[in-house]
Amino acid sequence: MENNSYKSYKIYNRYKKSEGKGGYRALAFFQQAEIIYDFTVEFCRRFIPSPRQKDQMEQAARSGKQNIAEGYLQKSLESRIKLLGVARGSLEELLGESGKRHGLPNKPNKPTFGPKIALD
């Protein structure tokens, strides 16, 4: 059985080998964060009258995107993971801010994938 540090090393090595193939802009979750940022800016421009809430939402979306990019450039795996956690927190904050406008709960429910069907 592999110990955790060796397993982490293997994962990190695999990640490092993929670095030269497009950088952080090639990461699917960075591309999603860019889309979220662009959508948030446009959404705020059209529908959010409060400058304070608009600024909070745009900053949260920008922070999510920037922390992914910054985390990618870090040398240590620990720093990368930490910044990805910060990015996730920023994007969850954005979800909370947009949810306030629409009367949604701060924490989203876990996704459901339809009714359970018994297979006989």
PDB file of N, CA and C in Angstrom:
ATOM      1  N   MET A   1       0.845  -1.197   0.000  1.00  0.00           N
ATOM      2  CA  MET A   1       0.000   0.000   0.000  1.00  0.00           C
ATOM      3  C   MET A   1       0.879   1.246   0.000  1.00  0.00           C
ATOM      4  N   GLU A   2       0.548   2.227  -0.852  1.00  0.00           N
ATOM      5  CA  GLU A   2       1.333   3.443  -0.960  1.00  0.00           C
ATOM      6  C   GLU A   2       1.044   4.362   0.223  1.00  0.00           C
ATOM      7  N   ASN A   3       2.092   5.033   0.700  1.00  0.00           N
ATOM      8  CA  ASN A   3       1.820   6.011   1.753  1.00  0.00           C
ATOM      9  C   ASN A   3       1.330   7.304   1.103  1.00  0.00           C
ATOM     10  N   ASN A   4       0.747   8.168   1.920  1.00  0.00           N
ATOM     11  CA  ASN A   4       0.119   9.382   1.385  1.00  0.00           C
ATOM     12  C   ASN A   4       1.110  10.320   0.718  1.00  0.00           C
ATOM     13  N   SER A   5       2.320  10.455   1.280  1.00  0.00           N
ATOM     14  CA  SER A   5       3.274  11.396   0.690  1.00  0.00           C
ATOM     15  C   SER A   5       3.712  10.922  -0.702  1.00  0.00           C
ATOM     16  N   TYR A   6       3.896   9.607  -0.873  1.00  0.00           N
ATOM     17  CA  TYR A   6       4.281   9.096  -2.188  1.00  0.00           C
ATOM     18  C   TYR A   6       3.139   9.265  -3.186  1.00  0.00           C
ATOM     19  N   LYS A   7       1.917   9.024  -2.708  1.00  0.00           N
ATOM     20  CA  LYS A   7       0.739   9.195  -3.563  1.00  0.00           C
ATOM     21  C   LYS A   7       0.616  10.661  -3.992  1.00  0.00           C
ATOM     22  N   SER A   8       0.825  11.592  -3.058  1.00  0.00           N
ATOM     23  CA  SER A   8       0.785  13.019  -3.372  1.00  0.00           C
ATOM     24  C   SER A   8       1.876  13.384  -4.362  1.00  0.00           C
ATOM     25  N   TYR A   9       3.054  12.794  -4.173  1.00  0.00           N
ATOM     26  CA  TYR A   9       4.174  13.045  -5.080  1.00  0.00           C
ATOM     27  C   TYR A   9       3.826  12.609  -6.505  1.00  0.00           C
ATOM     28  N   LYS A  10       3.204  11.439  -6.640  1.00  0.00           N
ATOM     29  CA  LYS A  10       2.825  10.948  -7.966  1.00  0.00           C
ATOM     30  C   LYS A  10       1.807  11.876  -8.624  1.00  0.00           C
ATOM     31  N   ILE A  11       0.828  12.328  -7.848  1.00  0.00           N
ATOM     32  CA  ILE A  11      -0.191  13.240  -8.372  1.00  0.00           C
ATOM     33  C   ILE A  11       0.462  14.554  -8.798  1.00  0.00           C
ATOM     34  N   TYR A  12       1.358  15.062  -7.946  1.00  0.00           N
ATOM     35  CA  TYR A  12       2.049  16.315  -8.249  1.00  0.00           C
ATOM     36  C   TYR A  12       2.907  16.182  -9.510  1.00  0.00           C
ATOM     37  N   ASN A  13       3.608  15.058  -9.643  1.00  0.00           N
ATOM     38  CA  ASN A  13       4.428  14.821 -10.832  1.00  0.00           C
ATOM     39  C   ASN A  13       3.578  14.805 -12.098  1.00  0.00           C
ATOM     40  N   ARG A  14       2.443  14.131 -12.029  1.00  0.00           N
ATOM     41  CA  ARG A  14       1.540  14.076 -13.179  1.00  0.00           C
ATOM     42  C   ARG A  14       1.071  15.492 -13.539  1.00  0.00           C
ATOM     43  N   TYR A  15       0.779  16.276 -12.513  1.00  0.00           N
ATOM     44  CA  TYR A  15       0.327  17.648 -12.705  1.00  0.00           C
ATOM     45  C   TYR A  15       1.437  18.495 -13.333  1.00  0.00           C
ATOM     46  N   LYS A  16       2.667  18.354 -12.832  1.00  0.00           N
ATOM     47  CA  LYS A  16       3.803  19.114 -13.349  1.00  0.00           C
ATOM     48  C   LYS A  16       4.066  18.790 -14.821  1.00  0.00           C
ATOM     49  N   LYS A  17       3.913  17.520 -15.202  1.00  0.00           N
ATOM     50  CA  LYS A  17       4.152  17.117 -16.584  1.00  0.00           C
ATOM     51  C   LYS A  17       3.140  17.754 -17.529  1.00  0.00           C
ATOM     52  N   SER A  18       1.951  18.038 -17.035  1.00  0.00           N
ATOM     53  CA  SER A  18       0.916  18.627 -17.888  1.00  0.00           C
ATOM     54  C   SER A  18       1.045  20.146 -17.980  1.00  0.00           C
ATOM     55  N   GLU A  19       1.957  20.731 -17.195  1.00  0.00           N
ATOM     56  CA  GLU A  19       2.073  22.190 -17.146  1.00  0.00           C
ATOM     57  C   GLU A  19       2.426  22.820 -18.487  1.00  0.00           C
ATOM     58  N   GLY A  20       3.303  22.214 -19.232  1.00  0.00           N
ATOM     59  CA  GLY A  20       3.748  22.804 -20.477  1.00  0.00           C
ATOM     60  C   GLY A  20       2.723  22.742 -21.591  1.00  0.00           C
ATOM     61  N   LYS A  21       1.578  22.213 -21.326  1.00  0.00           N
ATOM     62  CA  LYS A  21       0.561  22.008 -22.358  1.00  0.00           C
ATOM     63  C   LYS A  21      -0.557  23.047 -22.261  1.00  0.00           C
ATOM     64  N   GLY A  22      -0.184  24.319 -22.336  1.00  0.00           N
ATOM     65  CA  GLY A  22      -1.205  25.356 -22.365  1.00  0.00           C
ATOM     66  C   GLY A  22      -1.302  26.184 -21.110  1.00  0.00           C
ATOM     67  N   GLY A  23      -0.610  25.820 -20.061  1.00  0.00           N
ATOM     68  CA  GLY A  23      -0.653  26.589 -18.821  1.00  0.00           C
ATOM     69  C   GLY A  23      -2.023  26.568 -18.172  1.00  0.00           C
ATOM     70  N   TYR A  24      -2.224  27.494 -17.240  1.00  0.00           N
ATOM     71  CA  TYR A  24      -3.482  27.503 -16.487  1.00  0.00           C
ATOM     72  C   TYR A  24      -4.675  27.839 -17.369  1.00  0.00           C
ATOM     73  N   ARG A  25      -4.467  28.536 -18.457  1.00  0.00           N
ATOM     74  CA  ARG A  25      -5.591  28.877 -19.342  1.00  0.00           C
ATOM     75  C   ARG A  25      -6.209  27.643 -19.999  1.00  0.00           C
ATOM     76  N   ALA A  26      -5.449  26.541 -20.041  1.00  0.00           N
ATOM     77  CA  ALA A  26      -5.965  25.299 -20.633  1.00  0.00           C
ATOM     78  C   ALA A  26      -6.776  24.487 -19.629  1.00  0.00           C
ATOM     79  N   LEU A  27      -6.735  24.859 -18.348  1.00  0.00           N
ATOM     80  CA  LEU A  27      -7.482  24.123 -17.332  1.00  0.00           C
ATOM     81  C   LEU A  27      -8.976  24.387 -17.481  1.00  0.00           C
ATOM     82  N   ALA A  28      -9.751  23.327 -17.475  1.00  0.00           N
ATOM     83  CA  ALA A  28     -11.209  23.468 -17.651  1.00  0.00           C
ATOM     84  C   ALA A  28     -11.813  24.346 -16.566  1.00  0.00           C
ATOM     85  N   PHE A  29     -11.355  24.205 -15.314  1.00  0.00           N
ATOM     86  CA  PHE A  29     -11.963  24.995 -14.251  1.00  0.00           C
ATOM     87  C   PHE A  29     -11.551  26.468 -14.332  1.00  0.00           C
ATOM     88  N   PHE A  30     -10.397  26.783 -14.938  1.00  0.00           N
ATOM     89  CA  PHE A  30     -10.053  28.188 -15.167  1.00  0.00           C
ATOM     90  C   PHE A  30     -10.958  28.760 -16.257  1.00  0.00           C
ATOM     91  N   GLN A  31     -11.187  27.987 -17.306  1.00  0.00           N
ATOM     92  CA  GLN A  31     -12.060  28.442 -18.383  1.00  0.00           C
ATOM     93  C   GLN A  31     -13.476  28.674 -17.865  1.00  0.00           C
ATOM     94  N   GLN A  32     -13.939  27.800 -16.973  1.00  0.00           N
ATOM     95  CA  GLN A  32     -15.263  27.982 -16.369  1.00  0.00           C
ATOM     96  C   GLN A  32     -15.287  29.243 -15.513  1.00  0.00           C
ATOM     97  N   ALA A  33     -14.207  29.486 -14.766  1.00  0.00           N
ATOM     98  CA  ALA A  33     -14.136  30.685 -13.928  1.00  0.00           C
ATOM     99  C   ALA A  33     -14.138  31.951 -14.784  1.00  0.00           C
ATOM    100  N   GLU A  34     -13.497  31.909 -15.951  1.00  0.00           N
ATOM    101  CA  GLU A  34     -13.535  33.054 -16.870  1.00  0.00           C
ATOM    102  C   GLU A  34     -14.954  33.317 -17.363  1.00  0.00           C
ATOM    103  N   ILE A  35     -15.654  32.257 -17.701  1.00  0.00           N
ATOM    104  CA  ILE A  35     -17.045  32.396 -18.146  1.00  0.00           C
ATOM    105  C   ILE A  35     -17.899  32.974 -17.023  1.00  0.00           C
ATOM    106  N   ILE A  36     -17.699  32.467 -15.817  1.00  0.00           N
ATOM    107  CA  ILE A  36     -18.454  32.966 -14.657  1.00  0.00           C
ATOM    108  C   ILE A  36     -18.165  34.446 -14.450  1.00  0.00           C
ATOM    109  N   TYR A  37     -16.896  34.832 -14.567  1.00  0.00           N
ATOM    110  CA  TYR A  37     -16.535  36.249 -14.393  1.00  0.00           C
ATOM    111  C   TYR A  37     -17.209  37.118 -15.451  1.00  0.00           C
ATOM    112  N   ASP A  38     -17.087  36.726 -16.708  1.00  0.00           N
ATOM    113  CA  ASP A  38     -17.688  37.516 -17.794  1.00  0.00           C
ATOM    114  C   ASP A  38     -19.203  37.618 -17.632  1.00  0.00           C
ATOM    115  N   PHE A  39     -19.835  36.507 -17.286  1.00  0.00           N
ATOM    116  CA  PHE A  39     -21.281  36.509 -17.080  1.00  0.00           C
ATOM    117  C   PHE A  39     -21.651  37.406 -15.901  1.00  0.00           C
ATOM    118  N   THR A  40     -20.870  37.334 -14.820  1.00  0.00           N
ATOM    119  CA  THR A  40     -21.170  38.128 -13.628  1.00  0.00           C
ATOM    120  C   THR A  40     -21.097  39.625 -13.928  1.00  0.00           C
ATOM    121  N   VAL A  41     -20.074  40.038 -14.662  1.00  0.00           N
ATOM    122  CA  VAL A  41     -19.939  41.457 -15.018  1.00  0.00           C
ATOM    123  C   VAL A  41     -21.154  41.913 -15.826  1.00  0.00           C
ATOM    124  N   GLU A  42     -21.542  41.127 -16.799  1.00  0.00           N
ATOM    125  CA  GLU A  42     -22.695  41.491 -17.622  1.00  0.00           C
ATOM    126  C   GLU A  42     -23.996  41.458 -16.817  1.00  0.00           C
ATOM    127  N   PHE A  43     -24.159  40.435 -15.979  1.00  0.00           N
ATOM    128  CA  PHE A  43     -25.349  40.314 -15.129  1.00  0.00           C
ATOM    129  C   PHE A  43     -25.473  41.534 -14.210  1.00  0.00           C
ATOM    130  N   CYS A  44     -24.350  41.905 -13.583  1.00  0.00           N
ATOM    131  CA  CYS A  44     -24.374  43.056 -12.680  1.00  0.00           C
ATOM    132  C   CYS A  44     -24.695  44.343 -13.429  1.00  0.00           C
ATOM    133  N   ARG A  45     -24.126  44.496 -14.607  1.00  0.00           N
ATOM    134  CA  ARG A  45     -24.385  45.687 -15.412  1.00  0.00           C
ATOM    135  C   ARG A  45     -25.873  45.829 -15.722  1.00  0.00           C
ATOM    136  N   ARG A  46     -26.523  44.717 -16.003  1.00  0.00           N
ATOM    137  CA  ARG A  46     -27.932  44.761 -16.398  1.00  0.00           C
ATOM    138  C   ARG A  46     -28.918  44.774 -15.235  1.00  0.00           C
ATOM    139  N   PHE A  47     -28.613  44.007 -14.160  1.00  0.00           N
ATOM    140  CA  PHE A  47     -29.658  43.734 -13.180  1.00  0.00           C
ATOM    141  C   PHE A  47     -29.373  44.172 -11.745  1.00  0.00           C
ATOM    142  N   ILE A  48     -28.174  44.566 -11.400  1.00  0.00           N
ATOM    143  CA  ILE A  48     -27.868  44.906 -10.007  1.00  0.00           C
ATOM    144  C   ILE A  48     -27.737  46.420  -9.868  1.00  0.00           C
ATOM    145  N   PRO A  49     -28.716  47.065  -9.226  1.00  0.00           N
ATOM    146  CA  PRO A  49     -28.661  48.525  -9.102  1.00  0.00           C
ATOM    147  C   PRO A  49     -27.694  48.999  -8.008  1.00  0.00           C
ATOM    148  N   SER A  50     -27.468  48.191  -6.995  1.00  0.00           N
ATOM    149  CA  SER A  50     -26.634  48.591  -5.867  1.00  0.00           C
ATOM    150  C   SER A  50     -25.148  48.519  -6.228  1.00  0.00           C
ATOM    151  N   PRO A  51     -24.450  49.656  -6.190  1.00  0.00           N
ATOM    152  CA  PRO A  51     -23.019  49.639  -6.513  1.00  0.00           C
ATOM    153  C   PRO A  51     -22.222  48.738  -5.566  1.00  0.00           C
ATOM    154  N   ARG A  52     -22.636  48.702  -4.301  1.00  0.00           N
ATOM    155  CA  ARG A  52     -21.920  47.871  -3.317  1.00  0.00           C
ATOM    156  C   ARG A  52     -22.054  46.391  -3.651  1.00  0.00           C
ATOM    157  N   GLN A  53     -23.268  45.938  -3.926  1.00  0.00           N
ATOM    158  CA  GLN A  53     -23.469  44.523  -4.245  1.00  0.00           C
ATOM    159  C   GLN A  53     -22.808  44.174  -5.588  1.00  0.00           C
ATOM    160  N   LYS A  54     -22.899  45.085  -6.542  1.00  0.00           N
ATOM    161  CA  LYS A  54     -22.261  44.875  -7.844  1.00  0.00           C
ATOM    162  C   LYS A  54     -20.754  44.672  -7.655  1.00  0.00           C
ATOM    163  N   ASP A  55     -20.148  45.551  -6.848  1.00  0.00           N
ATOM    164  CA  ASP A  55     -18.716  45.475  -6.602  1.00  0.00           C
ATOM    165  C   ASP A  55     -18.343  44.159  -5.899  1.00  0.00           C
ATOM    166  N   GLN A  56     -19.135  43.757  -4.908  1.00  0.00           N
ATOM    167  CA  GLN A  56     -18.869  42.498  -4.195  1.00  0.00           C
ATOM    168  C   GLN A  56     -18.921  41.302  -5.136  1.00  0.00           C
ATOM    169  N   MET A  57     -19.932  41.274  -5.973  1.00  0.00           N
ATOM    170  CA  MET A  57     -20.095  40.144  -6.888  1.00  0.00           C
ATOM    171  C   MET A  57     -18.967  40.093  -7.912  1.00  0.00           C
ATOM    172  N   GLU A  58     -18.619  41.243  -8.474  1.00  0.00           N
ATOM    173  CA  GLU A  58     -17.546  41.275  -9.463  1.00  0.00           C
ATOM    174  C   GLU A  58     -16.201  40.915  -8.837  1.00  0.00           C
ATOM    175  N   GLN A  59     -15.951  41.390  -7.614  1.00  0.00           N
ATOM    176  CA  GLN A  59     -14.697  41.059  -6.930  1.00  0.00           C
ATOM    177  C   GLN A  59     -14.613  39.571  -6.610  1.00  0.00           C
ATOM    178  N   ALA A  60     -15.716  38.973  -6.196  1.00  0.00           N
ATOM    179  CA  ALA A  60     -15.717  37.541  -5.894  1.00  0.00           C
ATOM    180  C   ALA A  60     -15.435  36.721  -7.153  1.00  0.00           C
ATOM    181  N   ALA A  61     -16.044  37.106  -8.268  1.00  0.00           N
ATOM    182  CA  ALA A  61     -15.818  36.392  -9.525  1.00  0.00           C
ATOM    183  C   ALA A  61     -14.373  36.571  -9.992  1.00  0.00           C
ATOM    184  N   ARG A  62     -13.848  37.788  -9.881  1.00  0.00           N
ATOM    185  CA  ARG A  62     -12.465  38.061 -10.273  1.00  0.00           C
ATOM    186  C   ARG A  62     -11.494  37.295  -9.386  1.00  0.00           C
ATOM    187  N   SER A  63     -11.772  37.272  -8.101  1.00  0.00           N
ATOM    188  CA  SER A  63     -10.906  36.557  -7.161  1.00  0.00           C
ATOM    189  C   SER A  63     -10.872  35.062  -7.459  1.00  0.00           C
ATOM    190  N   GLY A  64     -12.007  34.494  -7.796  1.00  0.00           N
ATOM    191  CA  GLY A  64     -12.054  33.074  -8.142  1.00  0.00           C
ATOM    192  C   GLY A  64     -11.146  32.761  -9.315  1.00  0.00           C
ATOM    193  N   LYS A  65     -11.230  33.582 -10.331  1.00  0.00           N
ATOM    194  CA  LYS A  65     -10.417  33.394 -11.539  1.00  0.00           C
ATOM    195  C   LYS A  65      -8.936  33.628 -11.247  1.00  0.00           C
ATOM    196  N   GLN A  66      -8.614  34.704 -10.546  1.00  0.00           N
ATOM    197  CA  GLN A  66      -7.219  35.052 -10.297  1.00  0.00           C
ATOM    198  C   GLN A  66      -6.525  34.052  -9.377  1.00  0.00           C
ATOM    199  N   ASN A  67      -7.242  33.517  -8.398  1.00  0.00           N
ATOM    200  CA  ASN A  67      -6.614  32.568  -7.482  1.00  0.00           C
ATOM    201  C   ASN A  67      -6.313  31.234  -8.159  1.00  0.00           C
ATOM    202  N   ILE A  68      -7.095  30.862  -9.148  1.00  0.00           N
ATOM    203  CA  ILE A  68      -6.772  29.657  -9.922  1.00  0.00           C
ATOM    204  C   ILE A  68      -5.461  29.889 -10.673  1.00  0.00           C
ATOM    205  N   ALA A  69      -5.355  31.036 -11.336  1.00  0.00           N
ATOM    206  CA  ALA A  69      -4.138  31.348 -12.095  1.00  0.00           C
ATOM    207  C   ALA A  69      -2.930  31.456 -11.174  1.00  0.00           C
ATOM    208  N   GLU A  70      -3.097  32.147 -10.056  1.00  0.00           N
ATOM    209  CA  GLU A  70      -1.998  32.315  -9.109  1.00  0.00           C
ATOM    210  C   GLU A  70      -1.585  30.979  -8.496  1.00  0.00           C
ATOM    211  N   GLY A  71      -2.556  30.152  -8.177  1.00  0.00           N
ATOM    212  CA  GLY A  71      -2.255  28.840  -7.610  1.00  0.00           C
ATOM    213  C   GLY A  71      -1.478  27.970  -8.572  1.00  0.00           C
ATOM    214  N   TYR A  72      -1.793  28.069  -9.830  1.00  0.00           N
ATOM    215  CA  TYR A  72      -1.109  27.279 -10.850  1.00  0.00           C
ATOM    216  C   TYR A  72       0.376  27.627 -10.912  1.00  0.00           C
ATOM    217  N   LEU A  73       0.709  28.877 -10.641  1.00  0.00           N
ATOM    218  CA  LEU A  73       2.086  29.341 -10.752  1.00  0.00           C
ATOM    219  C   LEU A  73       2.924  29.064  -9.503  1.00  0.00           C
ATOM    220  N   GLN A  74       2.291  28.576  -8.442  1.00  0.00           N
ATOM    221  CA  GLN A  74       3.016  28.282  -7.213  1.00  0.00           C
ATOM    222  C   GLN A  74       3.917  27.063  -7.378  1.00  0.00           C
ATOM    223  N   LYS A  75       5.009  27.051  -6.630  1.00  0.00           N
ATOM    224  CA  LYS A  75       5.959  25.942  -6.703  1.00  0.00           C
ATOM    225  C   LYS A  75       5.499  24.729  -5.896  1.00  0.00           C
ATOM    226  N   SER A  76       4.944  24.974  -4.718  1.00  0.00           N
ATOM    227  CA  SER A  76       4.590  23.845  -3.850  1.00  0.00           C
ATOM    228  C   SER A  76       3.143  23.411  -4.057  1.00  0.00           C
ATOM    229  N   LEU A  77       2.928  22.130  -3.924  1.00  0.00           N
ATOM    230  CA  LEU A  77       1.585  21.566  -4.046  1.00  0.00           C
ATOM    231  C   LEU A  77       0.675  22.133  -2.967  1.00  0.00           C
ATOM    232  N   GLU A  78       1.213  22.312  -1.767  1.00  0.00           N
ATOM    233  CA  GLU A  78       0.429  22.849  -0.652  1.00  0.00           C
ATOM    234  C   GLU A  78      -0.099  24.249  -0.976  1.00  0.00           C
ATOM    235  N   SER A  79       0.751  25.093  -1.551  1.00  0.00           N
ATOM    236  CA  SER A  79       0.327  26.452  -1.922  1.00  0.00           C
ATOM    237  C   SER A  79      -0.715  26.427  -3.023  1.00  0.00           C
ATOM    238  N   ARG A  80      -0.539  25.524  -3.978  1.00  0.00           N
ATOM    239  CA  ARG A  80      -1.512  25.399  -5.068  1.00  0.00           C
ATOM    240  C   ARG A  80      -2.885  25.015  -4.527  1.00  0.00           C
ATOM    241  N   ILE A  81      -2.893  24.013  -3.644  1.00  0.00           N
ATOM    242  CA  ILE A  81      -4.159  23.549  -3.067  1.00  0.00           C
ATOM    243  C   ILE A  81      -4.809  24.653  -2.253  1.00  0.00           C
ATOM    244  N   LYS A  82      -3.994  25.397  -1.491  1.00  0.00           N
ATOM    245  CA  LYS A  82      -4.531  26.483  -0.670  1.00  0.00           C
ATOM    246  C   LYS A  82      -5.217  27.534  -1.537  1.00  0.00           C
ATOM    247  N   LEU A  83      -4.556  27.938  -2.625  1.00  0.00           N
ATOM    248  CA  LEU A  83      -5.139  28.967  -3.487  1.00  0.00           C
ATOM    249  C   LEU A  83      -6.363  28.464  -4.249  1.00  0.00           C
ATOM    250  N   LEU A  84      -6.390  27.190  -4.578  1.00  0.00           N
ATOM    251  CA  LEU A  84      -7.607  26.642  -5.197  1.00  0.00           C
ATOM    252  C   LEU A  84      -8.763  26.673  -4.201  1.00  0.00           C
ATOM    253  N   GLY A  85      -8.450  26.446  -2.922  1.00  0.00           N
ATOM    254  CA  GLY A  85      -9.477  26.557  -1.878  1.00  0.00           C
ATOM    255  C   GLY A  85      -9.995  27.979  -1.747  1.00  0.00           C
ATOM    256  N   VAL A  86      -9.094  28.952  -1.858  1.00  0.00           N
ATOM    257  CA  VAL A  86      -9.490  30.359  -1.813  1.00  0.00           C
ATOM    258  C   VAL A  86     -10.385  30.687  -3.010  1.00  0.00           C
ATOM    259  N   ALA A  87     -10.004  30.164  -4.183  1.00  0.00           N
ATOM    260  CA  ALA A  87     -10.816  30.384  -5.389  1.00  0.00           C
ATOM    261  C   ALA A  87     -12.213  29.805  -5.206  1.00  0.00           C
ATOM    262  N   ARG A  88     -12.267  28.602  -4.661  1.00  0.00           N
ATOM    263  CA  ARG A  88     -13.569  27.970  -4.424  1.00  0.00           C
ATOM    264  C   ARG A  88     -14.416  28.808  -3.465  1.00  0.00           C
ATOM    265  N   GLY A  89     -13.771  29.306  -2.400  1.00  0.00           N
ATOM    266  CA  GLY A  89     -14.487  30.142  -1.437  1.00  0.00           C
ATOM    267  C   GLY A  89     -15.037  31.408  -2.084  1.00  0.00           C
ATOM    268  N   SER A  90     -14.252  32.016  -2.965  1.00  0.00           N
ATOM    269  CA  SER A  90     -14.698  33.230  -3.664  1.00  0.00           C
ATOM    270  C   SER A  90     -15.911  32.944  -4.538  1.00  0.00           C
ATOM    271  N   LEU A  91     -15.852  31.823  -5.243  1.00  0.00           N
ATOM    272  CA  LEU A  91     -16.972  31.486  -6.130  1.00  0.00           C
ATOM    273  C   LEU A  91     -18.213  31.085  -5.326  1.00  0.00           C
ATOM    274  N   GLU A  92     -18.006  30.483  -4.150  1.00  0.00           N
ATOM    275  CA  GLU A  92     -19.157  30.188  -3.285  1.00  0.00           C
ATOM    276  C   GLU A  92     -19.744  31.474  -2.722  1.00  0.00           C
ATOM    277  N   GLU A  93     -18.886  32.448  -2.426  1.00  0.00           N
ATOM    278  CA  GLU A  93     -19.364  33.758  -1.977  1.00  0.00           C
ATOM    279  C   GLU A  93     -20.212  34.413  -3.071  1.00  0.00           C
ATOM    280  N   LEU A  94     -19.758  34.291  -4.295  1.00  0.00           N
ATOM    281  CA  LEU A  94     -20.520  34.824  -5.428  1.00  0.00           C
ATOM    282  C   LEU A  94     -21.890  34.163  -5.509  1.00  0.00           C
ATOM    283  N   LEU A  95     -21.930  32.871  -5.323  1.00  0.00           N
ATOM    284  CA  LEU A  95     -23.207  32.151  -5.333  1.00  0.00           C
ATOM    285  C   LEU A  95     -24.118  32.674  -4.230  1.00  0.00           C
ATOM    286  N   GLY A  96     -23.545  32.938  -3.062  1.00  0.00           N
ATOM    287  CA  GLY A  96     -24.327  33.492  -1.954  1.00  0.00           C
ATOM    288  C   GLY A  96     -24.856  34.872  -2.258  1.00  0.00           C
ATOM    289  N   GLU A  97     -24.023  35.725  -2.866  1.00  0.00           N
ATOM    290  CA  GLU A  97     -24.447  37.089  -3.211  1.00  0.00           C
ATOM    291  C   GLU A  97     -25.554  37.083  -4.258  1.00  0.00           C
ATOM    292  N   SER A  98     -25.415  36.259  -5.281  1.00  0.00           N
ATOM    293  CA  SER A  98     -26.445  36.231  -6.321  1.00  0.00           C
ATOM    294  C   SER A  98     -27.713  35.580  -5.777  1.00  0.00           C
ATOM    295  N   GLY A  99     -27.555  34.653  -4.841  1.00  0.00           N
ATOM    296  CA  GLY A  99     -28.717  34.004  -4.234  1.00  0.00           C
ATOM    297  C   GLY A  99     -29.541  34.961  -3.399  1.00  0.00           C
ATOM    298  N   LYS A 100     -28.874  35.938  -2.757  1.00  0.00           N
ATOM    299  CA  LYS A 100     -29.603  36.916  -1.938  1.00  0.00           C
ATOM    300  C   LYS A 100     -30.605  37.677  -2.793  1.00  0.00           C
ATOM    301  N   ARG A 101     -30.192  38.013  -3.996  1.00  0.00           N
ATOM    302  CA  ARG A 101     -31.061  38.790  -4.889  1.00  0.00           C
ATOM    303  C   ARG A 101     -32.302  38.013  -5.267  1.00  0.00           C
ATOM    304  N   HIS A 102     -32.161  36.711  -5.378  1.00  0.00           N
ATOM    305  CA  HIS A 102     -33.279  35.887  -5.834  1.00  0.00           C
ATOM    306  C   HIS A 102     -33.951  35.113  -4.710  1.00  0.00           C
ATOM    307  N   GLY A 103     -33.617  35.430  -3.461  1.00  0.00           N
ATOM    308  CA  GLY A 103     -34.243  34.780  -2.326  1.00  0.00           C
ATOM    309  C   GLY A 103     -33.847  33.316  -2.172  1.00  0.00           C
ATOM    310  N   LEU A 104     -32.662  32.955  -2.640  1.00  0.00           N
ATOM    311  CA  LEU A 104     -32.195  31.576  -2.514  1.00  0.00           C
ATOM    312  C   LEU A 104     -31.464  31.406  -1.195  1.00  0.00           C
ATOM    313  N   PRO A 105     -31.402  30.189  -0.664  1.00  0.00           N
ATOM    314  CA  PRO A 105     -30.632  29.976   0.561  1.00  0.00           C
ATOM    315  C   PRO A 105     -29.144  30.181   0.276  1.00  0.00           C
ATOM    316  N   ASN A 106     -28.367  30.580   1.308  1.00  0.00           N
ATOM    317  CA  ASN A 106     -26.931  30.809   1.128  1.00  0.00           C
ATOM    318  C   ASN A 106     -26.196  29.560   0.694  1.00  0.00           C
ATOM    319  N   LYS A 107     -26.547  28.425   1.250  1.00  0.00           N
ATOM    320  CA  LYS A 107     -25.889  27.171   0.894  1.00  0.00           C
ATOM    321  C   LYS A 107     -26.775  26.417  -0.088  1.00  0.00           C
ATOM    322  N   PRO A 108     -26.248  26.109  -1.260  1.00  0.00           N
ATOM    323  CA  PRO A 108     -27.073  25.356  -2.209  1.00  0.00           C
ATOM    324  C   PRO A 108     -27.277  23.928  -1.733  1.00  0.00           C
ATOM    325  N   ASN A 109     -28.417  23.372  -2.067  1.00  0.00           N
ATOM    326  CA  ASN A 109     -28.665  21.971  -1.745  1.00  0.00           C
ATOM    327  C   ASN A 109     -27.775  21.100  -2.599  1.00  0.00           C
ATOM    328  N   LYS A 110     -27.518  19.902  -2.122  1.00  0.00           N
ATOM    329  CA  LYS A 110     -26.733  18.975  -2.929  1.00  0.00           C
ATOM    330  C   LYS A 110     -27.551  18.627  -4.172  1.00  0.00           C
ATOM    331  N   PRO A 111     -26.869  18.490  -5.308  1.00  0.00           N
ATOM    332  CA  PRO A 111     -27.612  18.194  -6.529  1.00  0.00           C
ATOM    333  C   PRO A 111     -28.294  16.837  -6.465  1.00  0.00           C
ATOM    334  N   THR A 112     -29.457  16.787  -7.057  1.00  0.00           N
ATOM    335  CA  THR A 112     -30.150  15.508  -7.154  1.00  0.00           C
ATOM    336  C   THR A 112     -30.166  15.109  -8.605  1.00  0.00           C
ATOM    337  N   PHE A 113     -30.177  13.856  -8.839  1.00  0.00           N
ATOM    338  CA  PHE A 113     -30.098  13.367 -10.213  1.00  0.00           C
ATOM    339  C   PHE A 113     -31.355  12.600 -10.606  1.00  0.00           C
ATOM    340  N   GLY A 114     -32.483  13.138 -10.226  1.00  0.00           N
ATOM    341  CA  GLY A 114     -33.745  12.524 -10.616  1.00  0.00           C
ATOM    342  C   GLY A 114     -34.210  11.478  -9.609  1.00  0.00           C
ATOM    343  N   PRO A 115     -35.386  10.940  -9.832  1.00  0.00           N
ATOM    344  CA  PRO A 115     -35.937   9.949  -8.908  1.00  0.00           C
ATOM    345  C   PRO A 115     -35.157   8.630  -8.982  1.00  0.00           C
ATOM    346  N   LYS A 116     -35.142   7.938  -7.866  1.00  0.00           N
ATOM    347  CA  LYS A 116     -34.496   6.634  -7.857  1.00  0.00           C
ATOM    348  C   LYS A 116     -35.465   5.608  -8.424  1.00  0.00           C
ATOM    349  N   ILE A 117     -34.979   4.822  -9.325  1.00  0.00           N
ATOM    350  CA  ILE A 117     -35.831   3.832  -9.991  1.00  0.00           C
ATOM    351  C   ILE A 117     -35.306   2.449  -9.647  1.00  0.00           C
ATOM    352  N   ALA A 118     -36.194   1.599  -9.192  1.00  0.00           N
ATOM    353  CA  ALA A 118     -35.793   0.238  -8.866  1.00  0.00           C
ATOM    354  C   ALA A 118     -35.715  -0.582 -10.167  1.00  0.00           C
ATOM    355  N   LEU A 119     -34.598  -1.223 -10.368  1.00  0.00           N
ATOM    356  CA  LEU A 119     -34.440  -2.061 -11.555  1.00  0.00           C
ATOM    357  C   LEU A 119     -34.684  -3.510 -11.160  1.00  0.00           C
ATOM    358  N   ASP A 120     -35.685  -4.094 -11.728  1.00  0.00           N
ATOM    359  CA  ASP A 120     -36.020  -5.487 -11.388  1.00  0.00           C
ATOM    360  C   ASP A 120     -35.480  -6.436 -12.431  1.00  0.00           C
TER     361      ASP A 120
END
